[in-house]
C-alpha atoms as a PDB file:
ATOM      1  CA  MET A   1       0.100   0.043  -0.237  1.00  0.00           C
ATOM      2  CA  ALA A   2       2.906   2.657   0.709  1.00  0.00           C
ATOM      3  CA  ASN A   3       3.919   2.310  -2.416  1.00  0.00           C
ATOM      4  CA  ASN A   4       1.327   2.391  -4.241  1.00  0.00           C
ATOM      5  CA  LYS A   5       0.775   5.789  -2.202  1.00  0.00           C
ATOM      6  CA  GLY A   6       4.109   6.929  -3.274  1.00  0.00           C
ATOM      7  CA  PHE A   7       3.609   6.634  -6.757  1.00  0.00           C
ATOM      8  CA  LYS A   8      -0.001   8.468  -6.397  1.00  0.00           C
ATOM      9  CA  LEU A   9       1.975  11.146  -5.112  1.00  0.00           C
ATOM     10  CA  THR A  10       5.190  10.694  -7.820  1.00  0.00           C
ATOM     11  CA  THR A  11       2.475  10.936 -10.620  1.00  0.00           C
ATOM     12  CA  LEU A  12       0.994  14.094  -9.011  1.00  0.00           C
ATOM     13  CA  LEU A  13       3.340  16.134  -8.743  1.00  0.00           C
ATOM     14  CA  ALA A  14       4.700  15.147 -12.194  1.00  0.00           C
ATOM     15  CA  CYS A  15       1.435  16.030 -13.745  1.00  0.00           C
ATOM     16  CA  CYS A  16       1.250  19.516 -12.366  1.00  0.00           C
ATOM     17  CA  ALA A  17       5.172  20.107 -13.036  1.00  0.00           C
ATOM     18  CA  LEU A  18       4.264  19.196 -16.626  1.00  0.00           C
ATOM     19  CA  SER A  19       1.336  20.882 -17.017  1.00  0.00           C
ATOM     20  CA  THR A  20       1.289  24.364 -15.258  1.00  0.00           C
ATOM     21  CA  PRO A  21       3.230  27.776 -16.591  1.00  0.00           C
ATOM     22  CA  VAL A  22       6.241  28.868 -14.731  1.00  0.00           C
ATOM     23  CA  ALA A  23       5.080  32.281 -13.326  1.00  0.00           C
ATOM     24  CA  ALA A  24       6.319  35.135 -11.299  1.00  0.00           C
ATOM     25  CA  ASP A  25       4.070  35.230  -7.479  1.00  0.00           C
ATOM     26  CA  THR A  26       3.612  38.746  -8.629  1.00  0.00           C
ATOM     27  CA  VAL A  27       1.230  37.204 -11.403  1.00  0.00           C
ATOM     28  CA  PHE A  28       0.068  34.038 -10.075  1.00  0.00           C
ATOM     29  CA  GLY A  29       0.983  31.352  -7.862  1.00  0.00           C
ATOM     30  CA  VAL A  30       0.787  27.655  -8.392  1.00  0.00           C
ATOM     31  CA  TYR A  31       1.326  25.219  -5.209  1.00  0.00           C
ATOM     32  CA  ALA A  32       1.121  21.842  -5.410  1.00  0.00           C
ATOM     33  CA  GLY A  33       2.185  18.747  -3.128  1.00  0.00           C
ATOM     34  CA  GLY A  34       1.535  15.778  -0.612  1.00  0.00           C
ATOM     35  CA  GLN A  35       2.186  14.939   2.304  1.00  0.00           C
ATOM     36  CA  PHE A  36       2.243  10.928   4.144  1.00  0.00           C
ATOM     37  CA  TRP A  37       1.398  10.876   7.747  1.00  0.00           C
ATOM     38  CA  GLN A  38       2.026   8.417  10.375  1.00  0.00           C
ATOM     39  CA  THR A  39      -1.214   7.962  12.136  1.00  0.00           C
ATOM     40  CA  GLU A  40      -1.529   6.493  15.379  1.00  0.00           C
ATOM     41  CA  THR A  41      -5.635   5.947  16.280  1.00  0.00           C
ATOM     42  CA  SER A  42      -7.514   6.390  19.045  1.00  0.00           C
ATOM     43  CA  GLY A  43     -10.427   7.080  20.776  1.00  0.00           C
ATOM     44  CA  SER A  44     -14.624   5.335  20.220  1.00  0.00           C
ATOM     45  CA  PHE A  45     -18.291   5.340  17.811  1.00  0.00           C
ATOM     46  CA  GLY A  46     -21.360   4.066  17.838  1.00  0.00           C
ATOM     47  CA  SER A  47     -25.110   4.884  17.616  1.00  0.00           C
ATOM     48  CA  ASN A  48     -25.291   6.516  21.558  1.00  0.00           C
ATOM     49  CA  SER A  49     -23.128   8.944  23.308  1.00  0.00           C
ATOM     50  CA  THR A  50     -21.269   5.985  25.672  1.00  0.00           C
ATOM     51  CA  ASN A  51     -19.090   3.538  24.083  1.00  0.00           C
ATOM     52  CA  PRO A  52     -16.312   1.350  24.289  1.00  0.00           C
ATOM     53  CA  ASP A  53     -13.366   2.513  23.914  1.00  0.00           C
ATOM     54  CA  PHE A  54     -11.026   0.637  20.731  1.00  0.00           C
ATOM     55  CA  ALA A  55      -7.896  -0.427  19.604  1.00  0.00           C
ATOM     56  CA  PHE A  56      -6.379   1.199  16.270  1.00  0.00           C
ATOM     57  CA  ASP A  57      -3.258  -0.532  14.084  1.00  0.00           C
ATOM     58  CA  ASP A  58      -1.525   2.046  13.250  1.00  0.00           C
ATOM     59  CA  GLU A  59      -2.258   3.396  10.003  1.00  0.00           C
ATOM     60  CA  GLN A  60      -0.182   5.310   6.817  1.00  0.00           C
ATOM     61  CA  GLN A  61      -2.529   8.098   5.564  1.00  0.00           C
ATOM     62  CA  SER A  62      -1.621  10.404   2.706  1.00  0.00           C
ATOM     63  CA  SER A  63      -2.953  14.135   1.655  1.00  0.00           C
ATOM     64  CA  TYR A  64      -2.654  15.754  -1.883  1.00  0.00           C
ATOM     65  CA  TYR A  65      -3.271  19.206  -2.358  1.00  0.00           C
ATOM     66  CA  ILE A  66      -3.248  22.003  -4.836  1.00  0.00           C
ATOM     67  CA  VAL A  67      -2.717  25.966  -4.468  1.00  0.00           C
ATOM     68  CA  LEU A  68      -4.004  28.870  -6.453  1.00  0.00           C
ATOM     69  CA  GLU A  69      -2.938  32.770  -5.249  1.00  0.00           C
ATOM     70  CA  HIS A  70      -3.620  35.294  -7.056  1.00  0.00           C
ATOM     71  CA  PRO A  71      -3.001  39.105  -7.021  1.00  0.00           C
ATOM     72  CA  ILE A  72      -6.575  40.368  -6.820  1.00  0.00           C
ATOM     73  CA  PRO A  73      -7.145  41.665  -3.758  1.00  0.00           C
ATOM     74  CA  LEU A  74     -10.847  41.712  -3.709  1.00  0.00           C
ATOM     75  CA  PHE A  75     -10.557  37.459  -4.397  1.00  0.00           C
ATOM     76  CA  PRO A  76      -9.811  34.900  -2.247  1.00  0.00           C
ATOM     77  CA  ASN A  77      -6.984  32.061  -2.893  1.00  0.00           C
ATOM     78  CA  LEU A  78      -8.336  28.672  -3.797  1.00  0.00           C
ATOM     79  CA  LYS A  79      -6.090  25.529  -1.794  1.00  0.00           C
ATOM     80  CA  VAL A  80      -8.065  22.282  -2.221  1.00  0.00           C
ATOM     81  CA  ARG A  81      -6.717  19.424  -0.377  1.00  0.00           C
ATOM     82  CA  HIS A  82      -7.387  15.619  -0.344  1.00  0.00           C
ATOM     83  CA  ASN A  83      -7.310  13.565   3.093  1.00  0.00           C
ATOM     84  CA  GLU A  84      -6.680  10.256   3.747  1.00  0.00           C
ATOM     85  CA  LEU A  85      -8.162   8.805   7.168  1.00  0.00           C
ATOM     86  CA  VAL A  86      -8.838   5.090   7.784  1.00  0.00           C
ATOM     87  CA  SER A  87      -8.190   2.730  10.109  1.00  0.00           C
ATOM     88  CA  ASP A  88      -8.858  -0.672  11.335  1.00  0.00           C
ATOM     89  CA  GLY A  89      -8.743  -3.271  13.926  1.00  0.00           C
ATOM     90  CA  GLN A  90      -9.980  -6.046  16.235  1.00  0.00           C
ATOM     91  CA  GLN A  91     -10.620  -6.150  19.966  1.00  0.00           C
ATOM     92  CA  ASN A  92     -12.629  -8.645  22.601  1.00  0.00           C
ATOM     93  CA  LEU A  93     -15.237  -5.572  23.416  1.00  0.00           C
ATOM     94  CA  SER A  94     -15.058  -3.785  27.046  1.00  0.00           C
ATOM     95  CA  GLN A  95     -18.448  -3.317  27.511  1.00  0.00           C
ATOM     96  CA  ASP A  96     -21.873  -3.491  25.016  1.00  0.00           C
ATOM     97  CA  LEU A  97     -21.632  -1.354  21.610  1.00  0.00           C
ATOM     98  CA  SER A  98     -24.944  -0.396  20.506  1.00  0.00           C
ATOM     99  CA  PHE A  99     -24.480  -0.115  16.563  1.00  0.00           C
ATOM    100  CA  PHE A 100     -27.302   0.893  14.364  1.00  0.00           C
ATOM    101  CA  GLY A 101     -30.201  -1.431  16.172  1.00  0.00           C
ATOM    102  CA  THR A 102     -27.505  -3.934  16.717  1.00  0.00           C
ATOM    103  CA  THR A 103     -26.022  -4.700  20.324  1.00  0.00           C
ATOM    104  CA  PHE A 104     -22.413  -6.379  20.325  1.00  0.00           C
ATOM    105  CA  SER A 105     -21.976  -7.936  23.835  1.00  0.00           C
ATOM    106  CA  ALA A 106     -19.086  -7.174  26.146  1.00  0.00           C
ATOM    107  CA  GLY A 107     -16.263  -9.716  25.468  1.00  0.00           C
ATOM    108  CA  THR A 108     -17.231 -10.877  21.369  1.00  0.00           C
ATOM    109  CA  PRO A 109     -14.218 -10.756  19.515  1.00  0.00           C
ATOM    110  CA  VAL A 110     -15.321  -8.317  17.050  1.00  0.00           C
ATOM    111  CA  THR A 111     -13.771  -6.124  13.779  1.00  0.00           C
ATOM    112  CA  TYR A 112     -13.663  -2.340  13.474  1.00  0.00           C
ATOM    113  CA  GLN A 113     -12.869  -0.405  10.023  1.00  0.00           C
ATOM    114  CA  THR A 114     -13.420   3.753  10.684  1.00  0.00           C
ATOM    115  CA  ASP A 115     -13.394   5.582   6.916  1.00  0.00           C
ATOM    116  CA  PHE A 116     -13.307   9.785   7.501  1.00  0.00           C
ATOM    117  CA  SER A 117     -11.076  10.885   4.502  1.00  0.00           C
ATOM    118  CA  HIS A 118     -12.183  13.722   3.354  1.00  0.00           C
ATOM    119  CA  THR A 119     -11.549  16.773   0.656  1.00  0.00           C
ATOM    120  CA  ASP A 120     -10.746  20.520   1.622  1.00  0.00           C
ATOM    121  CA  TYR A 121     -12.095  23.195  -0.376  1.00  0.00           C
ATOM    122  CA  THR A 122     -10.224  26.459   1.060  1.00  0.00           C
ATOM    123  CA  LEU A 123     -10.616  30.193   0.678  1.00  0.00           C
ATOM    124  CA  TYR A 124      -8.633  32.465   2.356  1.00  0.00           C
ATOM    125  CA  TYR A 125      -6.578  36.238   1.851  1.00  0.00           C
ATOM    126  CA  GLU A 126      -3.402  36.707   2.906  1.00  0.00           C
ATOM    127  CA  LEU A 127      -3.306  39.643   5.385  1.00  0.00           C
ATOM    128  CA  PHE A 128       0.850  39.167   5.560  1.00  0.00           C
ATOM    129  CA  ASP A 129       3.076  38.304   2.577  1.00  0.00           C
ATOM    130  CA  ASN A 130       6.717  38.505   3.121  1.00  0.00           C
ATOM    131  CA  ASP A 131       9.658  36.814   3.079  1.00  0.00           C
ATOM    132  CA  LEU A 132       9.713  36.870   7.732  1.00  0.00           C
ATOM    133  CA  LEU A 133       6.282  36.186   7.947  1.00  0.00           C
ATOM    134  CA  THR A 134       3.271  34.981   6.360  1.00  0.00           C
ATOM    135  CA  PHE A 135      -0.662  35.389   7.623  1.00  0.00           C
ATOM    136  CA  ASP A 136      -3.380  33.363   5.888  1.00  0.00           C
ATOM    137  CA  LEU A 137      -7.366  33.990   6.887  1.00  0.00           C
ATOM    138  CA  GLY A 138      -9.962  31.934   5.773  1.00  0.00           C
ATOM    139  CA  VAL A 139     -12.845  29.454   5.439  1.00  0.00           C
ATOM    140  CA  THR A 140     -12.866  25.637   4.661  1.00  0.00           C
ATOM    141  CA  ALA A 141     -15.556  23.385   3.563  1.00  0.00           C
ATOM    142  CA  LYS A 142     -14.646  19.821   4.330  1.00  0.00           C
ATOM    143  CA  ARG A 143     -16.630  17.099   2.354  1.00  0.00           C
ATOM    144  CA  VAL A 144     -16.549  14.190   3.862  1.00  0.00           C
ATOM    145  CA  GLU A 145     -18.181  10.800   3.022  1.00  0.00           C
ATOM    146  CA  GLY A 146     -17.369   8.637   5.745  1.00  0.00           C
ATOM    147  CA  HIS A 147     -18.316   5.037   6.733  1.00  0.00           C
ATOM    148  CA  LEU A 148     -17.944   2.975  10.033  1.00  0.00           C
ATOM    149  CA  GLU A 149     -18.317  -0.858  10.343  1.00  0.00           C
ATOM    150  CA  VAL A 150     -18.533  -3.253  12.511  1.00  0.00           C
ATOM    151  CA  ARG A 151     -18.321  -6.982  12.004  1.00  0.00           C
ATOM    152  CA  SER A 152     -18.584 -10.082  14.520  1.00  0.00           C
ATOM    153  CA  GLN A 153     -18.453 -13.917  13.217  1.00  0.00           C
ATOM    154  CA  GLU A 154     -22.374 -13.186  12.981  1.00  0.00           C
ATOM    155  CA  VAL A 155     -23.406  -9.784  12.483  1.00  0.00           C
ATOM    156  CA  MET A 156     -21.991  -6.985  10.261  1.00  0.00           C
ATOM    157  CA  ARG A 157     -22.927  -3.324  11.113  1.00  0.00           C
ATOM    158  CA  ALA A 158     -22.186  -0.219   8.614  1.00  0.00           C
ATOM    159  CA  SER A 159     -23.169   3.359   8.312  1.00  0.00           C
ATOM    160  CA  ALA A 160     -22.290   5.928   6.136  1.00  0.00           C
ATOM    161  CA  THR A 161     -21.647   9.549   6.881  1.00  0.00           C
ATOM    162  CA  ASP A 162     -22.124  12.242   3.933  1.00  0.00           C
ATOM    163  CA  GLY A 163     -22.012  15.995   4.331  1.00  0.00           C
ATOM    164  CA  TRP A 164     -19.979  19.469   4.620  1.00  0.00           C
ATOM    165  CA  ILE A 165     -18.506  20.683   7.906  1.00  0.00           C
ATOM    166  CA  PRO A 166     -17.505  24.440   8.397  1.00  0.00           C
ATOM    167  CA  THR A 167     -13.868  25.429   9.655  1.00  0.00           C
ATOM    168  CA  LEU A 168     -12.536  27.906  10.336  1.00  0.00           C
ATOM    169  CA  TYR A 169      -8.321  28.511   8.565  1.00  0.00           C
ATOM    170  CA  SER A 170      -5.780  29.887   9.615  1.00  0.00           C
ATOM    171  CA  GLN A 171      -1.897  29.494   8.319  1.00  0.00           C
ATOM    172  CA  LEU A 172       1.258  31.281   9.516  1.00  0.00           C
ATOM    173  CA  ARG A 173       4.484  31.192   8.201  1.00  0.00           C
ATOM    174  CA  VAL A 174       8.003  31.989  10.075  1.00  0.00           C
ATOM    175  CA  GLY A 175      10.623  32.261   8.050  1.00  0.00           C
ATOM    176  CA  ILE A 176      14.493  31.561   9.852  1.00  0.00           C
ATOM    177  CA  PRO A 177      16.306  34.648   8.559  1.00  0.00           C
ATOM    178  CA  ALA A 178      19.701  33.671   6.834  1.00  0.00           C
ATOM    179  CA  THR A 179      18.727  30.833   6.633  1.00  0.00           C
ATOM    180  CA  PRO A 180      16.245  28.149   4.109  1.00  0.00           C
ATOM    181  CA  PHE A 181      14.682  26.945   6.358  1.00  0.00           C
ATOM    182  CA  THR A 182      10.683  28.127   7.221  1.00  0.00           C
ATOM    183  CA  ILE A 183       8.313  27.401  10.590  1.00  0.00           C
ATOM    184  CA  TYR A 184       4.483  27.309   9.485  1.00  0.00           C
ATOM    185  CA  GLY A 185       1.506  26.130  11.295  1.00  0.00           C
ATOM    186  CA  VAL A 186      -1.616  25.144   9.793  1.00  0.00           C
ATOM    187  CA  ALA A 187      -5.233  25.368  11.674  1.00  0.00           C
ATOM    188  CA  ASN A 188      -8.833  24.062  10.513  1.00  0.00           C
ATOM    189  CA  ALA A 189     -10.992  23.981  13.299  1.00  0.00           C
ATOM    190  CA  LEU A 190     -14.856  24.687  14.625  1.00  0.00           C
ATOM    191  CA  SER A 191     -17.791  23.722  17.547  1.00  0.00           C
ATOM    192  CA  ILE A 192     -20.844  23.519  16.741  1.00  0.00           C
ATOM    193  CA  ASP A 193     -23.671  22.571  19.913  1.00  0.00           C
ATOM    194  CA  ASP A 194     -21.190  19.275  20.904  1.00  0.00           C
ATOM    195  CA  SER A 195     -19.703  18.382  17.877  1.00  0.00           C
ATOM    196  CA  LYS A 196     -16.172  19.514  16.832  1.00  0.00           C
ATOM    197  CA  ILE A 197     -13.595  19.221  14.015  1.00  0.00           C
ATOM    198  CA  GLU A 198     -10.016  19.618  14.927  1.00  0.00           C
ATOM    199  CA  ASP A 199      -6.854  19.786  12.352  1.00  0.00           C
ATOM    200  CA  TYR A 200      -4.201  20.880  13.731  1.00  0.00           C
ATOM    201  CA  GLU A 201      -0.730  20.749  11.817  1.00  0.00           C
ATOM    202  CA  ALA A 202       3.212  22.421  13.023  1.00  0.00           C
ATOM    203  CA  GLY A 203       5.828  21.748  11.399  1.00  0.00           C
ATOM    204  CA  ILE A 204       9.212  23.090   9.089  1.00  0.00           C
ATOM    205  CA  GLU A 205      10.056  23.487   5.565  1.00  0.00           C
ATOM    206  CA  TYR A 206      13.485  23.471   3.716  1.00  0.00           C
ATOM    207  CA  ARG A 207      13.926  24.848   0.978  1.00  0.00           C
ATOM    208  CA  VAL A 208      15.992  22.390  -1.156  1.00  0.00           C
ATOM    209  CA  ILE A 209      15.680  23.854  -4.926  1.00  0.00           C
ATOM    210  CA  GLU A 210      14.748  28.074  -5.240  1.00  0.00           C
ATOM    211  CA  ASN A 211      14.653  29.908  -8.376  1.00  0.00           C
ATOM    212  CA  LEU A 212      12.743  31.945 -11.040  1.00  0.00           C
ATOM    213  CA  ALA A 213      11.156  28.992 -12.348  1.00  0.00           C
ATOM    214  CA  VAL A 214      10.068  26.565  -9.638  1.00  0.00           C
ATOM    215  CA  ASP A 215      11.518  26.106  -6.168  1.00  0.00           C
ATOM    216  CA  LEU A 216      11.142  22.440  -4.387  1.00  0.00           C
ATOM    217  CA  ASN A 217      10.531  22.136  -0.434  1.00  0.00           C
ATOM    218  CA  LEU A 218      10.240  19.374   2.169  1.00  0.00           C
ATOM    219  CA  GLN A 219       8.550  19.029   5.432  1.00  0.00           C
ATOM    220  CA  LEU A 220       8.178  17.368   8.994  1.00  0.00           C
ATOM    221  CA  GLY A 221       5.591  17.969  10.964  1.00  0.00           C
ATOM    222  CA  TYR A 222       3.478  16.834  13.180  1.00  0.00           C
ATOM    223  CA  ARG A 223      -0.408  16.607  13.058  1.00  0.00           C
ATOM    224  CA  VAL A 224      -3.323  16.594  14.540  1.00  0.00           C
ATOM    225  CA  PHE A 225      -7.255  16.088  14.040  1.00  0.00           C
ATOM    226  CA  ASN A 226     -10.410  15.361  16.175  1.00  0.00           C
ATOM    227  CA  ILE A 227     -13.866  14.826  14.986  1.00  0.00           C
ATOM    228  CA  GLU A 228     -16.404  14.746  17.624  1.00  0.00           C
ATOM    229  CA  LEU A 229     -19.734  13.896  15.892  1.00  0.00           C
ATOM    230  CA  ASP A 230     -22.631  13.930  18.473  1.00  0.00           C
ATOM    231  CA  GLY A 231     -25.684  12.704  16.544  1.00  0.00           C
ATOM    232  CA  LEU A 232     -24.755  13.153  13.454  1.00  0.00           C
ATOM    233  CA  ASP A 233     -26.798  10.948  10.479  1.00  0.00           C
ATOM    234  CA  ASP A 234     -27.150   8.957  13.974  1.00  0.00           C
ATOM    235  CA  VAL A 235     -23.252   8.491  14.798  1.00  0.00           C
ATOM    236  CA  TYR A 236     -21.854   9.497  18.268  1.00  0.00           C
ATOM    237  CA  SER A 237     -18.034   9.467  17.643  1.00  0.00           C
ATOM    238  CA  ASN A 238     -14.808  10.895  19.628  1.00  0.00           C
ATOM    239  CA  LEU A 239     -11.358   9.753  17.194  1.00  0.00           C
ATOM    240  CA  GLU A 240      -7.793  11.521  17.361  1.00  0.00           C
ATOM    241  CA  TYR A 241      -5.569  11.103  14.978  1.00  0.00           C
ATOM    242  CA  ARG A 242      -2.181  11.744  15.261  1.00  0.00           C
ATOM    243  CA  GLY A 243       1.524  11.105  14.351  1.00  0.00           C
ATOM    244  CA  PRO A 244       4.547  12.650  12.512  1.00  0.00           C
ATOM    245  CA  TYR A 245       4.316  13.174   8.466  1.00  0.00           C
ATOM    246  CA  LEU A 246       6.769  13.950   5.921  1.00  0.00           C
ATOM    247  CA  GLY A 247       6.085  16.282   2.709  1.00  0.00           C
ATOM    248  CA  LEU A 248       7.181  17.470  -1.231  1.00  0.00           C
ATOM    249  CA  GLU A 249       5.650  20.602  -1.871  1.00  0.00           C
ATOM    250  CA  LEU A 250       6.564  22.548  -5.453  1.00  0.00           C
ATOM    251  CA  HIS A 251       5.986  26.311  -6.110  1.00  0.00           C
ATOM    252  CA  PHE A 252       5.690  27.424  -9.545  1.00  0.00           C
END
């Protein structure tokens, strides 16, 4: 699976490099990149607010994005990012689990999968933009097509979650003077009633190539994603995905 993800990332970046015209930042800027994210998953889900904690396997997730920036002040810039977010596990239940009309009793061996893969559509403005400090502020619409599944030897139950989740977006980048390094942080977060989405990452970027035609940046960072649902499509969840990532970005 890891080799397939690496092939997809390489193909995406190669296509962007071949199809995108070179342009200066002051006219039009295009960023394309991807990340490999090693996640530890913890938490619970079910059809009510009291569910057992699950033991998930560690997974390698992937994320790909493209950003279009322009010099027109009144129109926001655009960032589109797809995030893979799949986790599996198995265990003997520590307590009863109610899941869409079926009760899996405590002690029952079960396998399960969560899939909260989603695509972010972000509109943002650059409030500051120079070599030392960049600050972006905007809004994101997360398109979530989720899938939850629980299986025992006797029965399988699954649920689909399909919808849009709005969040606030911000990004801060601070260049380290006289070095090719930049420190950055990105946040997508919103809380509505008892449901909450939090997506944070922080890292350091190293500029490998920097010229008028193209920039190539390597990234090393840490990302945390929390999703707490309170009855969305009859799903209750309290899940956290966290871990380090490696990234590659091209800037035209």
